[in-house]
Amino acid sequence: MGVGILMIVAVFFVGSFTVICATFTNEVFPTAIRANAMAWGNNIVGRIGQIAAPALVGLLVPIIGLGNAVTALAIAPFICIAIVALLLPETLGYRVEKD
């Protein structure tokens, strides 16, 4: 039962990164290049991560074991949160250029 609940929570938070990426691309980039920014940020970088993560777990299992491999990759969302918080600009009061 506990694993099922934790999976629901994990899927919720993984899905929230798509919303964060969409929010930043809509608030930071001008309308003329917003679609390109969304394509790069979400569809390319995000999808590569979704494909690479299970493959990376598979590569790490023989080296460090299944539990440790999954735990190591579970840290990745926290690294993403730090990148968003530290490197992306604050958008409060930010004015997007008009076309």
PDB file of N, CA and C in Angstrom:
ATOM      1  N   MET A   1       0.830  -1.196   0.000  1.00  0.00           N
ATOM      2  CA  MET A   1       0.000   0.000   0.000  1.00  0.00           C
ATOM      3  C   MET A   1       0.869   1.252   0.000  1.00  0.00           C
ATOM      4  N   GLY A   2       1.907   1.270   0.837  1.00  0.00           N
ATOM      5  CA  GLY A   2       2.772   2.443   0.932  1.00  0.00           C
ATOM      6  C   GLY A   2       3.490   2.751  -0.370  1.00  0.00           C
ATOM      7  N   VAL A   3       3.919   1.694  -1.087  1.00  0.00           N
ATOM      8  CA  VAL A   3       4.627   1.892  -2.354  1.00  0.00           C
ATOM      9  C   VAL A   3       3.689   2.527  -3.378  1.00  0.00           C
ATOM     10  N   GLY A   4       2.441   2.090  -3.409  1.00  0.00           N
ATOM     11  CA  GLY A   4       1.465   2.656  -4.337  1.00  0.00           C
ATOM     12  C   GLY A   4       1.225   4.132  -4.086  1.00  0.00           C
ATOM     13  N   ILE A   5       1.109   4.500  -2.832  1.00  0.00           N
ATOM     14  CA  ILE A   5       0.890   5.916  -2.487  1.00  0.00           C
ATOM     15  C   ILE A   5       2.119   6.740  -2.867  1.00  0.00           C
ATOM     16  N   LEU A   6       3.299   6.218  -2.586  1.00  0.00           N
ATOM     17  CA  LEU A   6       4.517   6.940  -2.955  1.00  0.00           C
ATOM     18  C   LEU A   6       4.667   7.063  -4.473  1.00  0.00           C
ATOM     19  N   MET A   7       4.222   6.067  -5.221  1.00  0.00           N
ATOM     20  CA  MET A   7       4.252   6.161  -6.685  1.00  0.00           C
ATOM     21  C   MET A   7       3.324   7.261  -7.183  1.00  0.00           C
ATOM     22  N   ILE A   8       2.154   7.375  -6.576  1.00  0.00           N
ATOM     23  CA  ILE A   8       1.213   8.445  -6.946  1.00  0.00           C
ATOM     24  C   ILE A   8       1.853   9.801  -6.684  1.00  0.00           C
ATOM     25  N   VAL A   9       2.480   9.949  -5.530  1.00  0.00           N
ATOM     26  CA  VAL A   9       3.147  11.208  -5.194  1.00  0.00           C
ATOM     27  C   VAL A   9       4.291  11.477  -6.173  1.00  0.00           C
ATOM     28  N   ALA A  10       5.085  10.467  -6.500  1.00  0.00           N
ATOM     29  CA  ALA A  10       6.207  10.639  -7.423  1.00  0.00           C
ATOM     30  C   ALA A  10       5.730  11.052  -8.810  1.00  0.00           C
ATOM     31  N   VAL A  11       4.691  10.405  -9.316  1.00  0.00           N
ATOM     32  CA  VAL A  11       4.159  10.753 -10.638  1.00  0.00           C
ATOM     33  C   VAL A  11       3.626  12.186 -10.641  1.00  0.00           C
ATOM     34  N   PHE A  12       2.993  12.595  -9.553  1.00  0.00           N
ATOM     35  CA  PHE A  12       2.505  13.977  -9.447  1.00  0.00           C
ATOM     36  C   PHE A  12       3.664  14.964  -9.575  1.00  0.00           C
ATOM     37  N   PHE A  13       4.750  14.731  -8.835  1.00  0.00           N
ATOM     38  CA  PHE A  13       5.860  15.676  -8.853  1.00  0.00           C
ATOM     39  C   PHE A  13       6.640  15.629 -10.159  1.00  0.00           C
ATOM     40  N   VAL A  14       6.749  14.467 -10.786  1.00  0.00           N
ATOM     41  CA  VAL A  14       7.397  14.388 -12.091  1.00  0.00           C
ATOM     42  C   VAL A  14       6.583  15.180 -13.114  1.00  0.00           C
ATOM     43  N   GLY A  15       5.266  15.066 -13.060  1.00  0.00           N
ATOM     44  CA  GLY A  15       4.402  15.832 -13.959  1.00  0.00           C
ATOM     45  C   GLY A  15       4.463  17.320 -13.715  1.00  0.00           C
ATOM     46  N   SER A  16       4.798  17.720 -12.506  1.00  0.00           N
ATOM     47  CA  SER A  16       4.842  19.149 -12.195  1.00  0.00           C
ATOM     48  C   SER A  16       6.004  19.842 -12.890  1.00  0.00           C
ATOM     49  N   PHE A  17       7.063  19.111 -13.252  1.00  0.00           N
ATOM     50  CA  PHE A  17       8.175  19.743 -13.949  1.00  0.00           C
ATOM     51  C   PHE A  17       7.764  20.219 -15.332  1.00  0.00           C
ATOM     52  N   THR A  18       6.829  19.546 -15.982  1.00  0.00           N
ATOM     53  CA  THR A  18       6.316  20.013 -17.264  1.00  0.00           C
ATOM     54  C   THR A  18       5.623  21.357 -17.100  1.00  0.00           C
ATOM     55  N   VAL A  19       4.865  21.497 -16.041  1.00  0.00           N
ATOM     56  CA  VAL A  19       4.165  22.761 -15.768  1.00  0.00           C
ATOM     57  C   VAL A  19       5.165  23.872 -15.470  1.00  0.00           C
ATOM     58  N   ILE A  20       6.200  23.574 -14.699  1.00  0.00           N
ATOM     59  CA  ILE A  20       7.223  24.574 -14.386  1.00  0.00           C
ATOM     60  C   ILE A  20       7.917  25.040 -15.655  1.00  0.00           C
ATOM     61  N   CYS A  21       8.280  24.102 -16.511  1.00  0.00           N
ATOM     62  CA  CYS A  21       8.946  24.448 -17.765  1.00  0.00           C
ATOM     63  C   CYS A  21       8.037  25.304 -18.645  1.00  0.00           C
ATOM     64  N   ALA A  22       6.788  24.946 -18.744  1.00  0.00           N
ATOM     65  CA  ALA A  22       5.845  25.721 -19.553  1.00  0.00           C
ATOM     66  C   ALA A  22       5.663  27.120 -18.984  1.00  0.00           C
ATOM     67  N   THR A  23       5.611  27.239 -17.677  1.00  0.00           N
ATOM     68  CA  THR A  23       5.449  28.547 -17.050  1.00  0.00           C
ATOM     69  C   THR A  23       6.639  29.442 -17.343  1.00  0.00           C
ATOM     70  N   PHE A  24       7.830  28.927 -17.197  1.00  0.00           N
ATOM     71  CA  PHE A  24       9.008  29.749 -17.465  1.00  0.00           C
ATOM     72  C   PHE A  24       9.097  30.145 -18.921  1.00  0.00           C
ATOM     73  N   THR A  25       8.811  29.247 -19.845  1.00  0.00           N
ATOM     74  CA  THR A  25       8.898  29.620 -21.258  1.00  0.00           C
ATOM     75  C   THR A  25       7.845  30.659 -21.614  1.00  0.00           C
ATOM     76  N   ASN A  26       6.683  30.613 -20.998  1.00  0.00           N
ATOM     77  CA  ASN A  26       5.651  31.604 -21.281  1.00  0.00           C
ATOM     78  C   ASN A  26       5.970  32.961 -20.665  1.00  0.00           C
ATOM     79  N   GLU A  27       6.671  32.977 -19.554  1.00  0.00           N
ATOM     80  CA  GLU A  27       6.936  34.243 -18.869  1.00  0.00           C
ATOM     81  C   GLU A  27       8.251  34.880 -19.271  1.00  0.00           C
ATOM     82  N   VAL A  28       9.213  34.116 -19.725  1.00  0.00           N
ATOM     83  CA  VAL A  28      10.547  34.665 -19.976  1.00  0.00           C
ATOM     84  C   VAL A  28      10.776  35.003 -21.450  1.00  0.00           C
ATOM     85  N   PHE A  29      10.261  34.192 -22.348  1.00  0.00           N
ATOM     86  CA  PHE A  29      10.592  34.367 -23.758  1.00  0.00           C
ATOM     87  C   PHE A  29       9.531  35.186 -24.491  1.00  0.00           C
ATOM     88  N   PRO A  30       9.970  36.035 -25.422  1.00  0.00           N
ATOM     89  CA  PRO A  30       9.018  36.794 -26.241  1.00  0.00           C
ATOM     90  C   PRO A  30       8.160  35.856 -27.085  1.00  0.00           C
ATOM     91  N   THR A  31       7.010  36.332 -27.480  1.00  0.00           N
ATOM     92  CA  THR A  31       6.050  35.508 -28.212  1.00  0.00           C
ATOM     93  C   THR A  31       6.646  34.922 -29.486  1.00  0.00           C
ATOM     94  N   ALA A  32       7.496  35.665 -30.164  1.00  0.00           N
ATOM     95  CA  ALA A  32       8.045  35.208 -31.444  1.00  0.00           C
ATOM     96  C   ALA A  32       8.883  33.945 -31.308  1.00  0.00           C
ATOM     97  N   ILE A  33       9.539  33.732 -30.176  1.00  0.00           N
ATOM     98  CA  ILE A  33      10.386  32.538 -30.019  1.00  0.00           C
ATOM     99  C   ILE A  33       9.886  31.602 -28.915  1.00  0.00           C
ATOM    100  N   ARG A  34       8.713  31.883 -28.402  1.00  0.00           N
ATOM    101  CA  ARG A  34       8.180  31.082 -27.293  1.00  0.00           C
ATOM    102  C   ARG A  34       7.985  29.619 -27.685  1.00  0.00           C
ATOM    103  N   ALA A  35       7.524  29.361 -28.882  1.00  0.00           N
ATOM    104  CA  ALA A  35       7.307  27.972 -29.317  1.00  0.00           C
ATOM    105  C   ALA A  35       8.629  27.222 -29.409  1.00  0.00           C
ATOM    106  N   ASN A  36       9.671  27.894 -29.902  1.00  0.00           N
ATOM    107  CA  ASN A  36      10.988  27.254 -29.957  1.00  0.00           C
ATOM    108  C   ASN A  36      11.518  26.973 -28.563  1.00  0.00           C
ATOM    109  N   ALA A  37      11.332  27.911 -27.653  1.00  0.00           N
ATOM    110  CA  ALA A  37      11.792  27.717 -26.276  1.00  0.00           C
ATOM    111  C   ALA A  37      11.063  26.539 -25.637  1.00  0.00           C
ATOM    112  N   MET A  38       9.782  26.439 -25.884  1.00  0.00           N
ATOM    113  CA  MET A  38       9.006  25.334 -25.328  1.00  0.00           C
ATOM    114  C   MET A  38       9.460  24.000 -25.919  1.00  0.00           C
ATOM    115  N   ALA A  39       9.722  23.994 -27.222  1.00  0.00           N
ATOM    116  CA  ALA A  39      10.178  22.774 -27.877  1.00  0.00           C
ATOM    117  C   ALA A  39      11.507  22.305 -27.303  1.00  0.00           C
ATOM    118  N   TRP A  40      12.453  23.225 -27.142  1.00  0.00           N
ATOM    119  CA  TRP A  40      13.756  22.851 -26.594  1.00  0.00           C
ATOM    120  C   TRP A  40      13.648  22.462 -25.126  1.00  0.00           C
ATOM    121  N   GLY A  41      12.971  23.262 -24.345  1.00  0.00           N
ATOM    122  CA  GLY A  41      12.933  23.030 -22.907  1.00  0.00           C
ATOM    123  C   GLY A  41      12.139  21.813 -22.495  1.00  0.00           C
ATOM    124  N   ASN A  42      11.023  21.607 -23.117  1.00  0.00           N
ATOM    125  CA  ASN A  42      10.137  20.531 -22.681  1.00  0.00           C
ATOM    126  C   ASN A  42      10.249  19.304 -23.574  1.00  0.00           C
ATOM    127  N   ASN A  43      10.041  19.497 -24.835  1.00  0.00           N
ATOM    128  CA  ASN A  43       9.943  18.350 -25.729  1.00  0.00           C
ATOM    129  C   ASN A  43      11.276  17.691 -26.028  1.00  0.00           C
ATOM    130  N   ILE A  44      12.368  18.443 -26.027  1.00  0.00           N
ATOM    131  CA  ILE A  44      13.660  17.838 -26.346  1.00  0.00           C
ATOM    132  C   ILE A  44      14.402  17.449 -25.065  1.00  0.00           C
ATOM    133  N   VAL A  45      14.717  18.429 -24.233  1.00  0.00           N
ATOM    134  CA  VAL A  45      15.479  18.141 -23.016  1.00  0.00           C
ATOM    135  C   VAL A  45      14.671  17.246 -22.073  1.00  0.00           C
ATOM    136  N   GLY A  46      13.391  17.546 -21.902  1.00  0.00           N
ATOM    137  CA  GLY A  46      12.554  16.750 -21.006  1.00  0.00           C
ATOM    138  C   GLY A  46      12.391  15.316 -21.453  1.00  0.00           C
ATOM    139  N   ARG A  47      12.200  15.109 -22.730  1.00  0.00           N
ATOM    140  CA  ARG A  47      12.006  13.747 -23.232  1.00  0.00           C
ATOM    141  C   ARG A  47      13.297  12.951 -23.190  1.00  0.00           C
ATOM    142  N   ILE A  48      14.422  13.617 -23.424  1.00  0.00           N
ATOM    143  CA  ILE A  48      15.707  12.910 -23.312  1.00  0.00           C
ATOM    144  C   ILE A  48      15.877  12.405 -21.887  1.00  0.00           C
ATOM    145  N   GLY A  49      15.510  13.220 -20.917  1.00  0.00           N
ATOM    146  CA  GLY A  49      15.593  12.793 -19.521  1.00  0.00           C
ATOM    147  C   GLY A  49      14.681  11.624 -19.222  1.00  0.00           C
ATOM    148  N   GLN A  50      13.484  11.635 -19.785  1.00  0.00           N
ATOM    149  CA  GLN A  50      12.552  10.534 -19.552  1.00  0.00           C
ATOM    150  C   GLN A  50      13.053   9.229 -20.163  1.00  0.00           C
ATOM    151  N   ILE A  51      13.795   9.327 -21.245  1.00  0.00           N
ATOM    152  CA  ILE A  51      14.339   8.124 -21.873  1.00  0.00           C
ATOM    153  C   ILE A  51      15.628   7.697 -21.185  1.00  0.00           C
ATOM    154  N   ALA A  52      16.463   8.658 -20.820  1.00  0.00           N
ATOM    155  CA  ALA A  52      17.779   8.342 -20.255  1.00  0.00           C
ATOM    156  C   ALA A  52      17.692   7.804 -18.826  1.00  0.00           C
ATOM    157  N   ALA A  53      16.724   8.250 -18.047  1.00  0.00           N
ATOM    158  CA  ALA A  53      16.658   7.842 -16.635  1.00  0.00           C
ATOM    159  C   ALA A  53      16.498   6.326 -16.465  1.00  0.00           C
ATOM    160  N   PRO A  54      15.533   5.684 -17.124  1.00  0.00           N
ATOM    161  CA  PRO A  54      15.441   4.223 -16.969  1.00  0.00           C
ATOM    162  C   PRO A  54      16.674   3.498 -17.523  1.00  0.00           C
ATOM    163  N   ALA A  55      17.238   4.019 -18.605  1.00  0.00           N
ATOM    164  CA  ALA A  55      18.442   3.399 -19.165  1.00  0.00           C
ATOM    165  C   ALA A  55      19.606   3.528 -18.181  1.00  0.00           C
ATOM    166  N   LEU A  56      19.714   4.672 -17.533  1.00  0.00           N
ATOM    167  CA  LEU A  56      20.778   4.889 -16.559  1.00  0.00           C
ATOM    168  C   LEU A  56      20.619   3.970 -15.345  1.00  0.00           C
ATOM    169  N   VAL A  57      19.369   3.773 -14.915  1.00  0.00           N
ATOM    170  CA  VAL A  57      19.125   2.826 -13.821  1.00  0.00           C
ATOM    171  C   VAL A  57      19.592   1.438 -14.235  1.00  0.00           C
ATOM    172  N   GLY A  58      19.266   1.035 -15.441  1.00  0.00           N
ATOM    173  CA  GLY A  58      19.689  -0.271 -15.929  1.00  0.00           C
ATOM    174  C   GLY A  58      21.201  -0.420 -15.984  1.00  0.00           C
ATOM    175  N   LEU A  59      21.892   0.662 -16.321  1.00  0.00           N
ATOM    176  CA  LEU A  59      23.347   0.609 -16.358  1.00  0.00           C
ATOM    177  C   LEU A  59      23.956   0.587 -14.961  1.00  0.00           C
ATOM    178  N   LEU A  60      23.309   1.251 -14.009  1.00  0.00           N
ATOM    179  CA  LEU A  60      23.847   1.333 -12.656  1.00  0.00           C
ATOM    180  C   LEU A  60      23.547   0.093 -11.800  1.00  0.00           C
ATOM    181  N   VAL A  61      22.503  -0.650 -12.140  1.00  0.00           N
ATOM    182  CA  VAL A  61      22.109  -1.808 -11.317  1.00  0.00           C
ATOM    183  C   VAL A  61      23.243  -2.809 -11.111  1.00  0.00           C
ATOM    184  N   PRO A  62      23.963  -3.228 -12.159  1.00  0.00           N
ATOM    185  CA  PRO A  62      25.041  -4.198 -11.908  1.00  0.00           C
ATOM    186  C   PRO A  62      26.177  -3.623 -11.048  1.00  0.00           C
ATOM    187  N   ILE A  63      26.314  -2.311 -11.034  1.00  0.00           N
ATOM    188  CA  ILE A  63      27.426  -1.689 -10.324  1.00  0.00           C
ATOM    189  C   ILE A  63      27.078  -1.431  -8.855  1.00  0.00           C
ATOM    190  N   ILE A  64      25.906  -0.819  -8.613  1.00  0.00           N
ATOM    191  CA  ILE A  64      25.578  -0.416  -7.240  1.00  0.00           C
ATOM    192  C   ILE A  64      24.300  -1.053  -6.703  1.00  0.00           C
ATOM    193  N   GLY A  65      23.619  -1.853  -7.496  1.00  0.00           N
ATOM    194  CA  GLY A  65      22.392  -2.508  -7.048  1.00  0.00           C
ATOM    195  C   GLY A  65      21.160  -1.691  -7.396  1.00  0.00           C
ATOM    196  N   LEU A  66      20.018  -2.357  -7.430  1.00  0.00           N
ATOM    197  CA  LEU A  66      18.777  -1.722  -7.848  1.00  0.00           C
ATOM    198  C   LEU A  66      18.350  -0.590  -6.919  1.00  0.00           C
ATOM    199  N   GLY A  67      18.318  -0.855  -5.627  1.00  0.00           N
ATOM    200  CA  GLY A  67      17.865   0.166  -4.676  1.00  0.00           C
ATOM    201  C   GLY A  67      18.717   1.415  -4.714  1.00  0.00           C
ATOM    202  N   ASN A  68      20.036   1.240  -4.770  1.00  0.00           N
ATOM    203  CA  ASN A  68      20.935   2.389  -4.817  1.00  0.00           C
ATOM    204  C   ASN A  68      20.829   3.143  -6.140  1.00  0.00           C
ATOM    205  N   ALA A  69      20.621   2.416  -7.240  1.00  0.00           N
ATOM    206  CA  ALA A  69      20.490   3.063  -8.550  1.00  0.00           C
ATOM    207  C   ALA A  69      19.238   3.927  -8.603  1.00  0.00           C
ATOM    208  N   VAL A  70      18.134   3.389  -8.114  1.00  0.00           N
ATOM    209  CA  VAL A  70      16.881   4.156  -8.106  1.00  0.00           C
ATOM    210  C   VAL A  70      17.002   5.355  -7.164  1.00  0.00           C
ATOM    211  N   THR A  71      17.630   5.148  -6.013  1.00  0.00           N
ATOM    212  CA  THR A  71      17.825   6.249  -5.070  1.00  0.00           C
ATOM    213  C   THR A  71      18.692   7.344  -5.681  1.00  0.00           C
ATOM    214  N   ALA A  72      19.735   6.953  -6.388  1.00  0.00           N
ATOM    215  CA  ALA A  72      20.613   7.941  -7.021  1.00  0.00           C
ATOM    216  C   ALA A  72      19.847   8.784  -8.027  1.00  0.00           C
ATOM    217  N   LEU A  73      18.976   8.156  -8.804  1.00  0.00           N
ATOM    218  CA  LEU A  73      18.210   8.921  -9.778  1.00  0.00           C
ATOM    219  C   LEU A  73      17.066   9.698  -9.147  1.00  0.00           C
ATOM    220  N   ALA A  74      16.627   9.295  -7.975  1.00  0.00           N
ATOM    221  CA  ALA A  74      15.570  10.035  -7.289  1.00  0.00           C
ATOM    222  C   ALA A  74      16.067  11.398  -6.822  1.00  0.00           C
ATOM    223  N   ILE A  75      17.371  11.571  -6.762  1.00  0.00           N
ATOM    224  CA  ILE A  75      17.945  12.854  -6.371  1.00  0.00           C
ATOM    225  C   ILE A  75      17.837  13.867  -7.515  1.00  0.00           C
ATOM    226  N   ALA A  76      17.705  13.412  -8.743  1.00  0.00           N
ATOM    227  CA  ALA A  76      17.676  14.293  -9.914  1.00  0.00           C
ATOM    228  C   ALA A  76      16.606  15.392  -9.834  1.00  0.00           C
ATOM    229  N   PRO A  77      15.370  15.109  -9.406  1.00  0.00           N
ATOM    230  CA  PRO A  77      14.403  16.200  -9.308  1.00  0.00           C
ATOM    231  C   PRO A  77      14.824  17.291  -8.324  1.00  0.00           C
ATOM    232  N   PHE A  78      15.517  16.908  -7.259  1.00  0.00           N
ATOM    233  CA  PHE A  78      15.989  17.911  -6.311  1.00  0.00           C
ATOM    234  C   PHE A  78      17.083  18.780  -6.939  1.00  0.00           C
ATOM    235  N   ILE A  79      17.909  18.180  -7.783  1.00  0.00           N
ATOM    236  CA  ILE A  79      18.916  18.949  -8.513  1.00  0.00           C
ATOM    237  C   ILE A  79      18.232  19.916  -9.469  1.00  0.00           C
ATOM    238  N   CYS A  80      17.167  19.467 -10.127  1.00  0.00           N
ATOM    239  CA  CYS A  80      16.403  20.341 -11.028  1.00  0.00           C
ATOM    240  C   CYS A  80      15.773  21.508 -10.272  1.00  0.00           C
ATOM    241  N   ILE A  81      15.254  21.235  -9.087  1.00  0.00           N
ATOM    242  CA  ILE A  81      14.679  22.303  -8.271  1.00  0.00           C
ATOM    243  C   ILE A  81      15.745  23.338  -7.942  1.00  0.00           C
ATOM    244  N   ALA A  82      16.942  22.889  -7.590  1.00  0.00           N
ATOM    245  CA  ALA A  82      18.033  23.821  -7.278  1.00  0.00           C
ATOM    246  C   ALA A  82      18.418  24.642  -8.504  1.00  0.00           C
ATOM    247  N   ILE A  83      18.464  24.012  -9.672  1.00  0.00           N
ATOM    248  CA  ILE A  83      18.793  24.740 -10.902  1.00  0.00           C
ATOM    249  C   ILE A  83      17.748  25.807 -11.185  1.00  0.00           C
ATOM    250  N   VAL A  84      16.472  25.450 -11.066  1.00  0.00           N
ATOM    251  CA  VAL A  84      15.397  26.418 -11.295  1.00  0.00           C
ATOM    252  C   VAL A  84      15.498  27.570 -10.303  1.00  0.00           C
ATOM    253  N   ALA A  85      15.692  27.248  -9.038  1.00  0.00           N
ATOM    254  CA  ALA A  85      15.718  28.279  -7.998  1.00  0.00           C
ATOM    255  C   ALA A  85      16.936  29.191  -8.116  1.00  0.00           C
ATOM    256  N   LEU A  86      18.075  28.643  -8.501  1.00  0.00           N
ATOM    257  CA  LEU A  86      19.308  29.427  -8.495  1.00  0.00           C
ATOM    258  C   LEU A  86      19.658  30.074  -9.834  1.00  0.00           C
ATOM    259  N   LEU A  87      19.300  29.447 -10.935  1.00  0.00           N
ATOM    260  CA  LEU A  87      19.774  29.921 -12.230  1.00  0.00           C
ATOM    261  C   LEU A  87      18.721  30.613 -13.096  1.00  0.00           C
ATOM    262  N   LEU A  88      17.468  30.249 -12.943  1.00  0.00           N
ATOM    263  CA  LEU A  88      16.454  30.879 -13.775  1.00  0.00           C
ATOM    264  C   LEU A  88      16.031  32.209 -13.158  1.00  0.00           C
ATOM    265  N   PRO A  89      15.701  33.182 -14.001  1.00  0.00           N
ATOM    266  CA  PRO A  89      15.397  34.512 -13.483  1.00  0.00           C
ATOM    267  C   PRO A  89      14.052  34.562 -12.748  1.00  0.00           C
ATOM    268  N   GLU A  90      13.972  35.465 -11.794  1.00  0.00           N
ATOM    269  CA  GLU A  90      12.699  35.729 -11.116  1.00  0.00           C
ATOM    270  C   GLU A  90      11.806  36.470 -12.107  1.00  0.00           C
ATOM    271  N   THR A  91      10.579  36.040 -12.268  1.00  0.00           N
ATOM    272  CA  THR A  91       9.694  36.639 -13.272  1.00  0.00           C
ATOM    273  C   THR A  91       8.683  37.616 -12.686  1.00  0.00           C
ATOM    274  N   LEU A  92       8.727  37.850 -11.398  1.00  0.00           N
ATOM    275  CA  LEU A  92       7.822  38.820 -10.788  1.00  0.00           C
ATOM    276  C   LEU A  92       8.175  40.213 -11.307  1.00  0.00           C
ATOM    277  N   GLY A  93       7.238  40.849 -11.964  1.00  0.00           N
ATOM    278  CA  GLY A  93       7.467  42.177 -12.522  1.00  0.00           C
ATOM    279  C   GLY A  93       8.244  42.165 -13.826  1.00  0.00           C
ATOM    280  N   TYR A  94       8.535  40.999 -14.366  1.00  0.00           N
ATOM    281  CA  TYR A  94       9.287  40.878 -15.612  1.00  0.00           C
ATOM    282  C   TYR A  94       8.391  41.256 -16.775  1.00  0.00           C
ATOM    283  N   ARG A  95       8.893  42.094 -17.672  1.00  0.00           N
ATOM    284  CA  ARG A  95       8.119  42.518 -18.828  1.00  0.00           C
ATOM    285  C   ARG A  95       8.653  41.818 -20.071  1.00  0.00           C
ATOM    286  N   VAL A  96       7.791  41.075 -20.735  1.00  0.00           N
ATOM    287  CA  VAL A  96       8.160  40.360 -21.944  1.00  0.00           C
ATOM    288  C   VAL A  96       8.151  41.348 -23.099  1.00  0.00           C
ATOM    289  N   GLU A  97       9.160  41.240 -23.977  1.00  0.00           N
ATOM    290  CA  GLU A  97       9.242  42.123 -25.128  1.00  0.00           C
ATOM    291  C   GLU A  97       8.032  41.911 -26.028  1.00  0.00           C
ATOM    292  N   LYS A  98       7.527  42.999 -26.572  1.00  0.00           N
ATOM    293  CA  LYS A  98       6.411  42.895 -27.528  1.00  0.00           C
ATOM    294  C   LYS A  98       6.976  42.710 -28.921  1.00  0.00           C
ATOM    295  N   ASP A  99       6.199  42.016 -29.755  1.00  0.00           N
ATOM    296  CA  ASP A  99       6.649  41.770 -31.133  1.00  0.00           C
ATOM    297  C   ASP A  99       6.641  43.030 -31.940  1.00  0.00           C
TER     298      ASP A  99
END
